[in-house]
Amino acid sequence: MKTLTIVLTDGPYISEYAEIACKLAENALKRYHVNIFLYLDAVHIPKKDQNPSFFINTGELFTGLAEKGAVIRACARCAAARGYIAEEETVNGSNCRDYLPGIKISSLYELSEMLSKSDRVISLSR
C-alpha cells in the first residue's frame, strides 16, 4: 500500500488547514497508509477540552482518523515549547495527558522516517 504524509504547521483555528487535512486523510485512507505530522503551532490541534464556539473541533476529527488507522505524531520540541509533555504511553494510545486519544508526541527523526517512506507528501502551511 502506498503512503501519504501530511505535515501541518498552523494551530487548529487560525486557518482551515487542519480541517482540510482531515478531509484529505479521510479520503486517502481508502487507498493509502496515512501519516500526519503536527509541527510548530499545529501541536495544539489534539489538545483535550478545546471548546470552539464557531468551528469544528479538529482535535476530535484527528482522534477519529487515528481510530481508522492514521498515524498522527506531534513534534516533541514544538510540543515541549508549548507546555505539552511526553510521558509513558497511556491506555488511550497517547503519550501526553493533555492530548486526545491516538496522538503521540515524537521526534523529528520520526518525521524524517515518514517522509523517506512516503509516496506522496502534502504540506499545509501559510
PDB file of N, CA and C in Angstrom:
ATOM      1  N   MET A   1       0.844  -1.178   0.000  1.00  0.00           N
ATOM      2  CA  MET A   1       0.000   0.000   0.000  1.00  0.00           C
ATOM      3  C   MET A   1       0.894   1.248   0.000  1.00  0.00           C
ATOM      4  N   LYS A   2       0.509   2.237  -0.761  1.00  0.00           N
ATOM      5  CA  LYS A   2       1.264   3.488  -0.819  1.00  0.00           C
ATOM      6  C   LYS A   2       1.044   4.302   0.451  1.00  0.00           C
ATOM      7  N   THR A   3       1.960   5.241   0.684  1.00  0.00           N
ATOM      8  CA  THR A   3       1.907   6.054   1.903  1.00  0.00           C
ATOM      9  C   THR A   3       1.805   7.533   1.563  1.00  0.00           C
ATOM     10  N   LEU A   4       0.902   8.211   2.251  1.00  0.00           N
ATOM     11  CA  LEU A   4       0.730   9.664   2.161  1.00  0.00           C
ATOM     12  C   LEU A   4       1.088  10.263   3.513  1.00  0.00           C
ATOM     13  N   THR A   5       1.916  11.299   3.512  1.00  0.00           N
ATOM     14  CA  THR A   5       2.232  12.023   4.737  1.00  0.00           C
ATOM     15  C   THR A   5       1.776  13.463   4.582  1.00  0.00           C
ATOM     16  N   ILE A   6       1.052  13.945   5.587  1.00  0.00           N
ATOM     17  CA  ILE A   6       0.579  15.329   5.625  1.00  0.00           C
ATOM     18  C   ILE A   6       1.292  16.025   6.773  1.00  0.00           C
ATOM     19  N   VAL A   7       1.881  17.180   6.491  1.00  0.00           N
ATOM     20  CA  VAL A   7       2.569  17.971   7.511  1.00  0.00           C
ATOM     21  C   VAL A   7       1.782  19.260   7.720  1.00  0.00           C
ATOM     22  N   LEU A   8       1.437  19.520   8.978  1.00  0.00           N
ATOM     23  CA  LEU A   8       0.697  20.740   9.333  1.00  0.00           C
ATOM     24  C   LEU A   8       1.546  21.619  10.231  1.00  0.00           C
ATOM     25  N   THR A   9       1.441  22.945  10.051  1.00  0.00           N
ATOM     26  CA  THR A   9       2.189  23.879  10.897  1.00  0.00           C
ATOM     27  C   THR A   9       1.296  24.876  11.624  1.00  0.00           C
ATOM     28  N   ASP A  10       0.063  25.060  11.170  1.00  0.00           N
ATOM     29  CA  ASP A  10      -0.832  26.054  11.779  1.00  0.00           C
ATOM     30  C   ASP A  10      -1.617  25.471  12.943  1.00  0.00           C
ATOM     31  N   GLY A  11      -1.946  26.327  13.894  1.00  0.00           N
ATOM     32  CA  GLY A  11      -2.811  25.937  15.001  1.00  0.00           C
ATOM     33  C   GLY A  11      -4.197  25.580  14.498  1.00  0.00           C
ATOM     34  N   PRO A  12      -5.025  25.021  15.359  1.00  0.00           N
ATOM     35  CA  PRO A  12      -6.308  24.476  14.922  1.00  0.00           C
ATOM     36  C   PRO A  12      -7.316  25.490  14.401  1.00  0.00           C
ATOM     37  N   TYR A  13      -7.261  26.732  14.827  1.00  0.00           N
ATOM     38  CA  TYR A  13      -8.325  27.668  14.458  1.00  0.00           C
ATOM     39  C   TYR A  13      -7.816  28.927  13.771  1.00  0.00           C
ATOM     40  N   ILE A  14      -6.558  28.931  13.353  1.00  0.00           N
ATOM     41  CA  ILE A  14      -6.003  30.095  12.669  1.00  0.00           C
ATOM     42  C   ILE A  14      -6.244  30.011  11.155  1.00  0.00           C
ATOM     43  N   SER A  15      -6.463  28.807  10.667  1.00  0.00           N
ATOM     44  CA  SER A  15      -6.768  28.587   9.250  1.00  0.00           C
ATOM     45  C   SER A  15      -7.634  27.331   9.160  1.00  0.00           C
ATOM     46  N   GLU A  16      -8.021  26.992   7.952  1.00  0.00           N
ATOM     47  CA  GLU A  16      -8.817  25.782   7.746  1.00  0.00           C
ATOM     48  C   GLU A  16      -7.946  24.575   7.406  1.00  0.00           C
ATOM     49  N   TYR A  17      -6.626  24.724   7.511  1.00  0.00           N
ATOM     50  CA  TYR A  17      -5.734  23.647   7.101  1.00  0.00           C
ATOM     51  C   TYR A  17      -5.942  22.357   7.885  1.00  0.00           C
ATOM     52  N   ALA A  18      -6.211  22.446   9.170  1.00  0.00           N
ATOM     53  CA  ALA A  18      -6.421  21.222   9.958  1.00  0.00           C
ATOM     54  C   ALA A  18      -7.646  20.468   9.455  1.00  0.00           C
ATOM     55  N   GLU A  19      -8.704  21.203   9.183  1.00  0.00           N
ATOM     56  CA  GLU A  19      -9.924  20.577   8.674  1.00  0.00           C
ATOM     57  C   GLU A  19      -9.700  20.010   7.266  1.00  0.00           C
ATOM     58  N   ILE A  20      -8.989  20.752   6.433  1.00  0.00           N
ATOM     59  CA  ILE A  20      -8.665  20.267   5.083  1.00  0.00           C
ATOM     60  C   ILE A  20      -7.830  18.993   5.167  1.00  0.00           C
ATOM     61  N   ALA A  21      -6.845  18.981   6.059  1.00  0.00           N
ATOM     62  CA  ALA A  21      -6.001  17.792   6.232  1.00  0.00           C
ATOM     63  C   ALA A  21      -6.838  16.587   6.639  1.00  0.00           C
ATOM     64  N   CYS A  22      -7.808  16.804   7.510  1.00  0.00           N
ATOM     65  CA  CYS A  22      -8.684  15.705   7.940  1.00  0.00           C
ATOM     66  C   CYS A  22      -9.470  15.143   6.766  1.00  0.00           C
ATOM     67  N   LYS A  23      -9.997  16.026   5.932  1.00  0.00           N
ATOM     68  CA  LYS A  23     -10.768  15.566   4.770  1.00  0.00           C
ATOM     69  C   LYS A  23      -9.877  14.813   3.783  1.00  0.00           C
ATOM     70  N   LEU A  24      -8.680  15.347   3.549  1.00  0.00           N
ATOM     71  CA  LEU A  24      -7.735  14.651   2.666  1.00  0.00           C
ATOM     72  C   LEU A  24      -7.387  13.272   3.218  1.00  0.00           C
ATOM     73  N   ALA A  25      -7.066  13.224   4.494  1.00  0.00           N
ATOM     74  CA  ALA A  25      -6.674  11.959   5.126  1.00  0.00           C
ATOM     75  C   ALA A  25      -7.815  10.953   5.113  1.00  0.00           C
ATOM     76  N   GLU A  26      -9.004  11.419   5.406  1.00  0.00           N
ATOM     77  CA  GLU A  26     -10.183  10.538   5.421  1.00  0.00           C
ATOM     78  C   GLU A  26     -10.348   9.841   4.073  1.00  0.00           C
ATOM     79  N   ASN A  27     -10.249  10.607   2.996  1.00  0.00           N
ATOM     80  CA  ASN A  27     -10.374  10.023   1.660  1.00  0.00           C
ATOM     81  C   ASN A  27      -9.169   9.167   1.297  1.00  0.00           C
ATOM     82  N   ALA A  28      -7.987   9.591   1.694  1.00  0.00           N
ATOM     83  CA  ALA A  28      -6.768   8.856   1.358  1.00  0.00           C
ATOM     84  C   ALA A  28      -6.697   7.506   2.055  1.00  0.00           C
ATOM     85  N   LEU A  29      -7.290   7.389   3.237  1.00  0.00           N
ATOM     86  CA  LEU A  29      -7.236   6.123   3.977  1.00  0.00           C
ATOM     87  C   LEU A  29      -7.843   4.959   3.199  1.00  0.00           C
ATOM     88  N   LYS A  30      -8.625   5.255   2.182  1.00  0.00           N
ATOM     89  CA  LYS A  30      -9.214   4.199   1.360  1.00  0.00           C
ATOM     90  C   LYS A  30      -8.156   3.509   0.497  1.00  0.00           C
ATOM     91  N   ARG A  31      -7.058   4.256   0.163  1.00  0.00           N
ATOM     92  CA  ARG A  31      -6.044   3.711  -0.740  1.00  0.00           C
ATOM     93  C   ARG A  31      -4.612   3.866  -0.244  1.00  0.00           C
ATOM     94  N   TYR A  32      -4.431   4.601   0.837  1.00  0.00           N
ATOM     95  CA  TYR A  32      -3.083   4.902   1.327  1.00  0.00           C
ATOM     96  C   TYR A  32      -2.965   4.605   2.815  1.00  0.00           C
ATOM     97  N   HIS A  33      -1.743   4.337   3.219  1.00  0.00           N
ATOM     98  CA  HIS A  33      -1.389   4.410   4.633  1.00  0.00           C
ATOM     99  C   HIS A  33      -1.156   5.901   4.867  1.00  0.00           C
ATOM    100  N   VAL A  34      -1.750   6.480   5.905  1.00  0.00           N
ATOM    101  CA  VAL A  34      -1.686   7.931   6.115  1.00  0.00           C
ATOM    102  C   VAL A  34      -0.930   8.271   7.392  1.00  0.00           C
ATOM    103  N   ASN A  35       0.045   9.167   7.251  1.00  0.00           N
ATOM    104  CA  ASN A  35       0.756   9.766   8.379  1.00  0.00           C
ATOM    105  C   ASN A  35       0.395  11.246   8.429  1.00  0.00           C
ATOM    106  N   ILE A  36       0.245  11.772   9.634  1.00  0.00           N
ATOM    107  CA  ILE A  36       0.075  13.215   9.816  1.00  0.00           C
ATOM    108  C   ILE A  36       1.088  13.647  10.865  1.00  0.00           C
ATOM    109  N   PHE A  37       1.874  14.672  10.533  1.00  0.00           N
ATOM    110  CA  PHE A  37       2.857  15.189  11.477  1.00  0.00           C
ATOM    111  C   PHE A  37       2.499  16.630  11.815  1.00  0.00           C
ATOM    112  N   LEU A  38       2.359  16.889  13.113  1.00  0.00           N
ATOM    113  CA  LEU A  38       1.993  18.209  13.621  1.00  0.00           C
ATOM    114  C   LEU A  38       3.255  18.938  14.049  1.00  0.00           C
ATOM    115  N   TYR A  39       3.511  20.068  13.422  1.00  0.00           N
ATOM    116  CA  TYR A  39       4.745  20.817  13.640  1.00  0.00           C
ATOM    117  C   TYR A  39       4.386  22.257  14.005  1.00  0.00           C
ATOM    118  N   LEU A  40       5.271  22.935  14.714  1.00  0.00           N
ATOM    119  CA  LEU A  40       5.066  24.317  15.171  1.00  0.00           C
ATOM    120  C   LEU A  40       3.742  24.414  15.932  1.00  0.00           C
ATOM    121  N   ASP A  41       2.882  25.384  15.599  1.00  0.00           N
ATOM    122  CA  ASP A  41       1.639  25.569  16.357  1.00  0.00           C
ATOM    123  C   ASP A  41       0.594  24.484  16.115  1.00  0.00           C
ATOM    124  N   ALA A  42       0.810  23.630  15.134  1.00  0.00           N
ATOM    125  CA  ALA A  42      -0.131  22.526  14.901  1.00  0.00           C
ATOM    126  C   ALA A  42      -0.161  21.546  16.068  1.00  0.00           C
ATOM    127  N   VAL A  43       0.843  21.597  16.955  1.00  0.00           N
ATOM    128  CA  VAL A  43       0.830  20.705  18.120  1.00  0.00           C
ATOM    129  C   VAL A  43      -0.336  21.016  19.060  1.00  0.00           C
ATOM    130  N   HIS A  44      -0.998  22.155  18.867  1.00  0.00           N
ATOM    131  CA  HIS A  44      -2.180  22.487  19.679  1.00  0.00           C
ATOM    132  C   HIS A  44      -3.445  21.753  19.203  1.00  0.00           C
ATOM    133  N   ILE A  45      -3.441  21.219  18.009  1.00  0.00           N
ATOM    134  CA  ILE A  45      -4.647  20.601  17.442  1.00  0.00           C
ATOM    135  C   ILE A  45      -5.229  19.506  18.337  1.00  0.00           C
ATOM    136  N   PRO A  46      -4.425  18.552  18.853  1.00  0.00           N
ATOM    137  CA  PRO A  46      -5.026  17.462  19.633  1.00  0.00           C
ATOM    138  C   PRO A  46      -5.229  17.759  21.120  1.00  0.00           C
ATOM    139  N   LYS A  47      -5.125  19.007  21.536  1.00  0.00           N
ATOM    140  CA  LYS A  47      -5.295  19.343  22.951  1.00  0.00           C
ATOM    141  C   LYS A  47      -6.708  18.999  23.411  1.00  0.00           C
ATOM    142  N   LYS A  48      -6.790  18.340  24.554  1.00  0.00           N
ATOM    143  CA  LYS A  48      -8.090  17.992  25.143  1.00  0.00           C
ATOM    144  C   LYS A  48      -8.843  19.248  25.568  1.00  0.00           C
ATOM    145  N   ASP A  49     -10.140  19.099  25.707  1.00  0.00           N
ATOM    146  CA  ASP A  49     -11.025  20.105  26.299  1.00  0.00           C
ATOM    147  C   ASP A  49     -11.081  21.423  25.545  1.00  0.00           C
ATOM    148  N   GLN A  50     -10.774  21.417  24.253  1.00  0.00           N
ATOM    149  CA  GLN A  50     -10.998  22.621  23.458  1.00  0.00           C
ATOM    150  C   GLN A  50     -12.489  22.697  23.167  1.00  0.00           C
ATOM    151  N   ASN A  51     -13.029  23.880  23.224  1.00  0.00           N
ATOM    152  CA  ASN A  51     -14.463  24.058  23.023  1.00  0.00           C
ATOM    153  C   ASN A  51     -14.706  25.214  22.058  1.00  0.00           C
ATOM    154  N   PRO A  52     -14.388  25.008  20.780  1.00  0.00           N
ATOM    155  CA  PRO A  52     -14.577  26.087  19.817  1.00  0.00           C
ATOM    156  C   PRO A  52     -16.058  26.380  19.596  1.00  0.00           C
ATOM    157  N   SER A  53     -16.410  27.648  19.658  1.00  0.00           N
ATOM    158  CA  SER A  53     -17.814  28.035  19.519  1.00  0.00           C
ATOM    159  C   SER A  53     -18.306  27.983  18.080  1.00  0.00           C
ATOM    160  N   PHE A  54     -17.493  28.460  17.164  1.00  0.00           N
ATOM    161  CA  PHE A  54     -17.952  28.607  15.787  1.00  0.00           C
ATOM    162  C   PHE A  54     -17.174  27.746  14.800  1.00  0.00           C
ATOM    163  N   PHE A  55     -16.412  26.795  15.318  1.00  0.00           N
ATOM    164  CA  PHE A  55     -15.574  25.961  14.467  1.00  0.00           C
ATOM    165  C   PHE A  55     -15.773  24.495  14.826  1.00  0.00           C
ATOM    166  N   ILE A  56     -15.404  23.634  13.895  1.00  0.00           N
ATOM    167  CA  ILE A  56     -15.372  22.200  14.167  1.00  0.00           C
ATOM    168  C   ILE A  56     -14.203  21.924  15.107  1.00  0.00           C
ATOM    169  N   ASN A  57     -14.387  21.023  16.050  1.00  0.00           N
ATOM    170  CA  ASN A  57     -13.291  20.633  16.939  1.00  0.00           C
ATOM    171  C   ASN A  57     -12.388  19.675  16.158  1.00  0.00           C
ATOM    172  N   THR A  58     -11.330  20.222  15.580  1.00  0.00           N
ATOM    173  CA  THR A  58     -10.463  19.414  14.722  1.00  0.00           C
ATOM    174  C   THR A  58      -9.710  18.345  15.497  1.00  0.00           C
ATOM    175  N   GLY A  59      -9.440  18.581  16.768  1.00  0.00           N
ATOM    176  CA  GLY A  59      -8.781  17.560  17.577  1.00  0.00           C
ATOM    177  C   GLY A  59      -9.582  16.275  17.596  1.00  0.00           C
ATOM    178  N   GLU A  60     -10.896  16.406  17.721  1.00  0.00           N
ATOM    179  CA  GLU A  60     -11.754  15.220  17.716  1.00  0.00           C
ATOM    180  C   GLU A  60     -11.758  14.542  16.347  1.00  0.00           C
ATOM    181  N   LEU A  61     -11.673  15.336  15.276  1.00  0.00           N
ATOM    182  CA  LEU A  61     -11.574  14.748  13.940  1.00  0.00           C
ATOM    183  C   LEU A  61     -10.293  13.922  13.812  1.00  0.00           C
ATOM    184  N   PHE A  62      -9.193  14.444  14.375  1.00  0.00           N
ATOM    185  CA  PHE A  62      -7.920  13.736  14.304  1.00  0.00           C
ATOM    186  C   PHE A  62      -7.973  12.436  15.102  1.00  0.00           C
ATOM    187  N   THR A  63      -8.646  12.442  16.236  1.00  0.00           N
ATOM    188  CA  THR A  63      -8.806  11.208  17.004  1.00  0.00           C
ATOM    189  C   THR A  63      -9.544  10.163  16.175  1.00  0.00           C
ATOM    190  N   GLY A  64     -10.568  10.597  15.454  1.00  0.00           N
ATOM    191  CA  GLY A  64     -11.297   9.690  14.572  1.00  0.00           C
ATOM    192  C   GLY A  64     -10.408   9.098  13.489  1.00  0.00           C
ATOM    193  N   LEU A  65      -9.516   9.922  12.945  1.00  0.00           N
ATOM    194  CA  LEU A  65      -8.574   9.421  11.936  1.00  0.00           C
ATOM    195  C   LEU A  65      -7.626   8.388  12.532  1.00  0.00           C
ATOM    196  N   ALA A  66      -7.153   8.647  13.743  1.00  0.00           N
ATOM    197  CA  ALA A  66      -6.260   7.693  14.416  1.00  0.00           C
ATOM    198  C   ALA A  66      -6.978   6.363  14.636  1.00  0.00           C
ATOM    199  N   GLU A  67      -8.248   6.419  14.995  1.00  0.00           N
ATOM    200  CA  GLU A  67      -9.030   5.192  15.191  1.00  0.00           C
ATOM    201  C   GLU A  67      -9.157   4.398  13.895  1.00  0.00           C
ATOM    202  N   LYS A  68      -9.115   5.103  12.756  1.00  0.00           N
ATOM    203  CA  LYS A  68      -9.235   4.439  11.452  1.00  0.00           C
ATOM    204  C   LYS A  68      -7.887   4.003  10.892  1.00  0.00           C
ATOM    205  N   GLY A  69      -6.808   4.253  11.635  1.00  0.00           N
ATOM    206  CA  GLY A  69      -5.506   3.759  11.217  1.00  0.00           C
ATOM    207  C   GLY A  69      -4.475   4.803  10.839  1.00  0.00           C
ATOM    208  N   ALA A  70      -4.832   6.066  10.807  1.00  0.00           N
ATOM    209  CA  ALA A  70      -3.840   7.104  10.512  1.00  0.00           C
ATOM    210  C   ALA A  70      -2.841   7.195  11.666  1.00  0.00           C
ATOM    211  N   VAL A  71      -1.587   7.404  11.332  1.00  0.00           N
ATOM    212  CA  VAL A  71      -0.536   7.594  12.333  1.00  0.00           C
ATOM    213  C   VAL A  71      -0.367   9.100  12.508  1.00  0.00           C
ATOM    214  N   ILE A  72      -0.636   9.593  13.716  1.00  0.00           N
ATOM    215  CA  ILE A  72      -0.576  11.033  13.969  1.00  0.00           C
ATOM    216  C   ILE A  72       0.447  11.297  15.055  1.00  0.00           C
ATOM    217  N   ARG A  73       1.431  12.130  14.707  1.00  0.00           N
ATOM    218  CA  ARG A  73       2.515  12.456  15.618  1.00  0.00           C
ATOM    219  C   ARG A  73       2.677  13.969  15.718  1.00  0.00           C
ATOM    220  N   ALA A  74       3.135  14.414  16.888  1.00  0.00           N
ATOM    221  CA  ALA A  74       3.411  15.832  17.133  1.00  0.00           C
ATOM    222  C   ALA A  74       4.888  15.988  17.461  1.00  0.00           C
ATOM    223  N   CYS A  75       5.491  17.042  16.966  1.00  0.00           N
ATOM    224  CA  CYS A  75       6.912  17.316  17.189  1.00  0.00           C
ATOM    225  C   CYS A  75       7.198  17.506  18.676  1.00  0.00           C
ATOM    226  N   ALA A  76       8.164  16.763  19.194  1.00  0.00           N
ATOM    227  CA  ALA A  76       8.493  16.819  20.624  1.00  0.00           C
ATOM    228  C   ALA A  76       9.011  18.192  21.042  1.00  0.00           C
ATOM    229  N   ARG A  77       9.891  18.777  20.267  1.00  0.00           N
ATOM    230  CA  ARG A  77      10.440  20.090  20.629  1.00  0.00           C
ATOM    231  C   ARG A  77       9.365  21.165  20.583  1.00  0.00           C
ATOM    232  N   CYS A  78       8.520  21.122  19.563  1.00  0.00           N
ATOM    233  CA  CYS A  78       7.439  22.104  19.442  1.00  0.00           C
ATOM    234  C   CYS A  78       6.445  21.936  20.586  1.00  0.00           C
ATOM    235  N   ALA A  79       6.122  20.689  20.903  1.00  0.00           N
ATOM    236  CA  ALA A  79       5.171  20.410  21.980  1.00  0.00           C
ATOM    237  C   ALA A  79       5.725  20.862  23.325  1.00  0.00           C
ATOM    238  N   ALA A  80       6.982  20.548  23.601  1.00  0.00           N
ATOM    239  CA  ALA A  80       7.594  20.935  24.879  1.00  0.00           C
ATOM    240  C   ALA A  80       7.643  22.453  25.025  1.00  0.00           C
ATOM    241  N   ALA A  81       7.938  23.156  23.943  1.00  0.00           N
ATOM    242  CA  ALA A  81       7.995  24.619  23.983  1.00  0.00           C
ATOM    243  C   ALA A  81       6.629  25.225  24.290  1.00  0.00           C
ATOM    244  N   ARG A  82       5.565  24.468  24.027  1.00  0.00           N
ATOM    245  CA  ARG A  82       4.205  24.954  24.250  1.00  0.00           C
ATOM    246  C   ARG A  82       3.549  24.308  25.472  1.00  0.00           C
ATOM    247  N   GLY A  83       4.339  23.594  26.268  1.00  0.00           N
ATOM    248  CA  GLY A  83       3.857  23.064  27.537  1.00  0.00           C
ATOM    249  C   GLY A  83       3.289  21.665  27.516  1.00  0.00           C
ATOM    250  N   TYR A  84       3.405  20.952  26.406  1.00  0.00           N
ATOM    251  CA  TYR A  84       2.921  19.576  26.327  1.00  0.00           C
ATOM    252  C   TYR A  84       4.088  18.640  26.605  1.00  0.00           C
ATOM    253  N   ILE A  85       3.909  17.743  27.540  1.00  0.00           N
ATOM    254  CA  ILE A  85       4.991  16.879  27.983  1.00  0.00           C
ATOM    255  C   ILE A  85       4.724  15.434  27.570  1.00  0.00           C
ATOM    256  N   ALA A  86       5.697  14.824  26.904  1.00  0.00           N
ATOM    257  CA  ALA A  86       5.593  13.405  26.550  1.00  0.00           C
ATOM    258  C   ALA A  86       5.884  12.567  27.784  1.00  0.00           C
ATOM    259  N   GLU A  87       5.046  11.562  28.017  1.00  0.00           N
ATOM    260  CA  GLU A  87       5.189  10.662  29.161  1.00  0.00           C
ATOM    261  C   GLU A  87       5.133   9.229  28.655  1.00  0.00           C
ATOM    262  N   GLU A  88       5.014   8.301  29.580  1.00  0.00           N
ATOM    263  CA  GLU A  88       4.784   6.913  29.187  1.00  0.00           C
ATOM    264  C   GLU A  88       3.443   6.838  28.463  1.00  0.00           C
ATOM    265  N   GLU A  89       3.338   5.892  27.551  1.00  0.00           N
ATOM    266  CA  GLU A  89       2.089   5.743  26.820  1.00  0.00           C
ATOM    267  C   GLU A  89       0.956   5.392  27.779  1.00  0.00           C
ATOM    268  N   THR A  90      -0.166   6.029  27.581  1.00  0.00           N
ATOM    269  CA  THR A  90      -1.334   5.770  28.415  1.00  0.00           C
ATOM    270  C   THR A  90      -2.251   4.770  27.716  1.00  0.00           C
ATOM    271  N   VAL A  91      -3.313   4.397  28.372  1.00  0.00           N
ATOM    272  CA  VAL A  91      -4.223   3.400  27.816  1.00  0.00           C
ATOM    273  C   VAL A  91      -4.959   3.903  26.581  1.00  0.00           C
ATOM    274  N   ASN A  92      -5.040   5.211  26.378  1.00  0.00           N
ATOM    275  CA  ASN A  92      -5.806   5.728  25.242  1.00  0.00           C
ATOM    276  C   ASN A  92      -4.976   5.866  23.970  1.00  0.00           C
ATOM    277  N   GLY A  93      -3.744   5.346  23.961  1.00  0.00           N
ATOM    278  CA  GLY A  93      -2.924   5.388  22.763  1.00  0.00           C
ATOM    279  C   GLY A  93      -2.187   6.690  22.560  1.00  0.00           C
ATOM    280  N   SER A  94      -2.135   7.510  23.573  1.00  0.00           N
ATOM    281  CA  SER A  94      -1.397   8.770  23.525  1.00  0.00           C
ATOM    282  C   SER A  94      -0.251   8.686  24.526  1.00  0.00           C
ATOM    283  N   ASN A  95       0.689   9.610  24.437  1.00  0.00           N
ATOM    284  CA  ASN A  95       1.747   9.663  25.443  1.00  0.00           C
ATOM    285  C   ASN A  95       1.823  11.053  26.078  1.00  0.00           C
ATOM    286  N   CYS A  96       0.719  11.780  26.008  1.00  0.00           N
ATOM    287  CA  CYS A  96       0.627  13.112  26.609  1.00  0.00           C
ATOM    288  C   CYS A  96      -0.753  13.235  27.237  1.00  0.00           C
ATOM    289  N   ARG A  97      -0.789  13.484  28.519  1.00  0.00           N
ATOM    290  CA  ARG A  97      -2.102  13.518  29.182  1.00  0.00           C
ATOM    291  C   ARG A  97      -2.954  14.710  28.765  1.00  0.00           C
ATOM    292  N   ASP A  98      -2.359  15.705  28.091  1.00  0.00           N
ATOM    293  CA  ASP A  98      -3.122  16.850  27.587  1.00  0.00           C
ATOM    294  C   ASP A  98      -3.678  16.620  26.186  1.00  0.00           C
ATOM    295  N   TYR A  99      -3.344  15.482  25.569  1.00  0.00           N
ATOM    296  CA  TYR A  99      -3.765  15.195  24.199  1.00  0.00           C
ATOM    297  C   TYR A  99      -4.942  14.230  24.162  1.00  0.00           C
ATOM    298  N   LEU A 100      -5.703  14.343  23.096  1.00  0.00           N
ATOM    299  CA  LEU A 100      -6.785  13.405  22.836  1.00  0.00           C
ATOM    300  C   LEU A 100      -6.202  12.034  22.473  1.00  0.00           C
ATOM    301  N   PRO A 101      -7.005  10.979  22.562  1.00  0.00           N
ATOM    302  CA  PRO A 101      -6.515   9.623  22.269  1.00  0.00           C
ATOM    303  C   PRO A 101      -5.976   9.466  20.850  1.00  0.00           C
ATOM    304  N   GLY A 102      -4.934   8.649  20.736  1.00  0.00           N
ATOM    305  CA  GLY A 102      -4.410   8.267  19.430  1.00  0.00           C
ATOM    306  C   GLY A 102      -3.313   9.145  18.868  1.00  0.00           C
ATOM    307  N   ILE A 103      -3.021  10.266  19.501  1.00  0.00           N
ATOM    308  CA  ILE A 103      -1.990  11.174  19.006  1.00  0.00           C
ATOM    309  C   ILE A 103      -0.806  11.137  19.958  1.00  0.00           C
ATOM    310  N   LYS A 104       0.389  10.936  19.399  1.00  0.00           N
ATOM    311  CA  LYS A 104       1.588  10.822  20.233  1.00  0.00           C
ATOM    312  C   LYS A 104       2.593  11.917  19.899  1.00  0.00           C
ATOM    313  N   ILE A 105       3.355  12.297  20.901  1.00  0.00           N
ATOM    314  CA  ILE A 105       4.481  13.204  20.714  1.00  0.00           C
ATOM    315  C   ILE A 105       5.683  12.353  20.315  1.00  0.00           C
ATOM    316  N   SER A 106       6.384  12.778  19.267  1.00  0.00           N
ATOM    317  CA  SER A 106       7.575  12.048  18.834  1.00  0.00           C
ATOM    318  C   SER A 106       8.595  13.032  18.268  1.00  0.00           C
ATOM    319  N   SER A 107       9.681  12.504  17.786  1.00  0.00           N
ATOM    320  CA  SER A 107      10.794  13.353  17.366  1.00  0.00           C
ATOM    321  C   SER A 107      10.745  13.676  15.874  1.00  0.00           C
ATOM    322  N   LEU A 108      11.599  14.609  15.498  1.00  0.00           N
ATOM    323  CA  LEU A 108      11.752  14.922  14.079  1.00  0.00           C
ATOM    324  C   LEU A 108      12.370  13.755  13.318  1.00  0.00           C
ATOM    325  N   TYR A 109      13.029  12.846  14.039  1.00  0.00           N
ATOM    326  CA  TYR A 109      13.552  11.644  13.391  1.00  0.00           C
ATOM    327  C   TYR A 109      12.402  10.811  12.827  1.00  0.00           C
ATOM    328  N   GLU A 110      11.293  10.770  13.555  1.00  0.00           N
ATOM    329  CA  GLU A 110      10.138  10.028  13.041  1.00  0.00           C
ATOM    330  C   GLU A 110       9.563  10.728  11.817  1.00  0.00           C
ATOM    331  N   LEU A 111       9.549  12.068  11.816  1.00  0.00           N
ATOM    332  CA  LEU A 111       9.112  12.792  10.616  1.00  0.00           C
ATOM    333  C   LEU A 111      10.014  12.434   9.438  1.00  0.00           C
ATOM    334  N   SER A 112      11.304  12.411   9.658  1.00  0.00           N
ATOM    335  CA  SER A 112      12.251  12.056   8.603  1.00  0.00           C
ATOM    336  C   SER A 112      11.956  10.663   8.054  1.00  0.00           C
ATOM    337  N   GLU A 113      11.672   9.743   8.955  1.00  0.00           N
ATOM    338  CA  GLU A 113      11.325   8.375   8.556  1.00  0.00           C
ATOM    339  C   GLU A 113      10.023   8.358   7.751  1.00  0.00           C
ATOM    340  N   MET A 114       9.030   9.107   8.217  1.00  0.00           N
ATOM    341  CA  MET A 114       7.756   9.190   7.494  1.00  0.00           C
ATOM    342  C   MET A 114       7.976   9.707   6.072  1.00  0.00           C
ATOM    343  N   LEU A 115       8.741  10.790   5.961  1.00  0.00           N
ATOM    344  CA  LEU A 115       8.965  11.405   4.654  1.00  0.00           C
ATOM    345  C   LEU A 115       9.724  10.481   3.716  1.00  0.00           C
ATOM    346  N   SER A 116      10.719   9.781   4.238  1.00  0.00           N
ATOM    347  CA  SER A 116      11.524   8.902   3.382  1.00  0.00           C
ATOM    348  C   SER A 116      10.725   7.710   2.865  1.00  0.00           C
ATOM    349  N   LYS A 117       9.687   7.305   3.590  1.00  0.00           N
ATOM    350  CA  LYS A 117       8.884   6.153   3.185  1.00  0.00           C
ATOM    351  C   LYS A 117       7.599   6.548   2.455  1.00  0.00           C
ATOM    352  N   SER A 118       7.398   7.842   2.242  1.00  0.00           N
ATOM    353  CA  SER A 118       6.152   8.320   1.641  1.00  0.00           C
ATOM    354  C   SER A 118       6.221   8.350   0.121  1.00  0.00           C
ATOM    355  N   ASP A 119       5.104   7.985  -0.489  1.00  0.00           N
ATOM    356  CA  ASP A 119       4.959   8.122  -1.933  1.00  0.00           C
ATOM    357  C   ASP A 119       4.483   9.527  -2.289  1.00  0.00           C
ATOM    358  N   ARG A 120       3.744  10.134  -1.384  1.00  0.00           N
ATOM    359  CA  ARG A 120       3.224  11.494  -1.559  1.00  0.00           C
ATOM    360  C   ARG A 120       3.355  12.240  -0.243  1.00  0.00           C
ATOM    361  N   VAL A 121       3.684  13.543  -0.345  1.00  0.00           N
ATOM    362  CA  VAL A 121       3.767  14.412   0.832  1.00  0.00           C
ATOM    363  C   VAL A 121       2.990  15.683   0.533  1.00  0.00           C
ATOM    364  N   ILE A 122       2.152  16.084   1.479  1.00  0.00           N
ATOM    365  CA  ILE A 122       1.409  17.340   1.381  1.00  0.00           C
ATOM    366  C   ILE A 122       1.749  18.161   2.608  1.00  0.00           C
ATOM    367  N   SER A 123       2.192  19.386   2.384  1.00  0.00           N
ATOM    368  CA  SER A 123       2.472  20.300   3.488  1.00  0.00           C
ATOM    369  C   SER A 123       1.484  21.448   3.410  1.00  0.00           C
ATOM    370  N   LEU A 124       0.727  21.624   4.476  1.00  0.00           N
ATOM    371  CA  LEU A 124      -0.249  22.712   4.529  1.00  0.00           C
ATOM    372  C   LEU A 124       0.246  23.750   5.522  1.00  0.00           C
ATOM    373  N   SER A 125       0.663  24.885   5.007  1.00  0.00           N
ATOM    374  CA  SER A 125       1.136  25.964   5.882  1.00  0.00           C
ATOM    375  C   SER A 125       0.966  27.292   5.161  1.00  0.00           C
ATOM    376  N   ARG A 126       0.908  28.344   5.958  1.00  0.00           N
ATOM    377  CA  ARG A 126       0.754  29.677   5.363  1.00  0.00           C
ATOM    378  C   ARG A 126       2.094  30.244   4.994  1.00  0.00           C
TER     379      ARG A 126
END
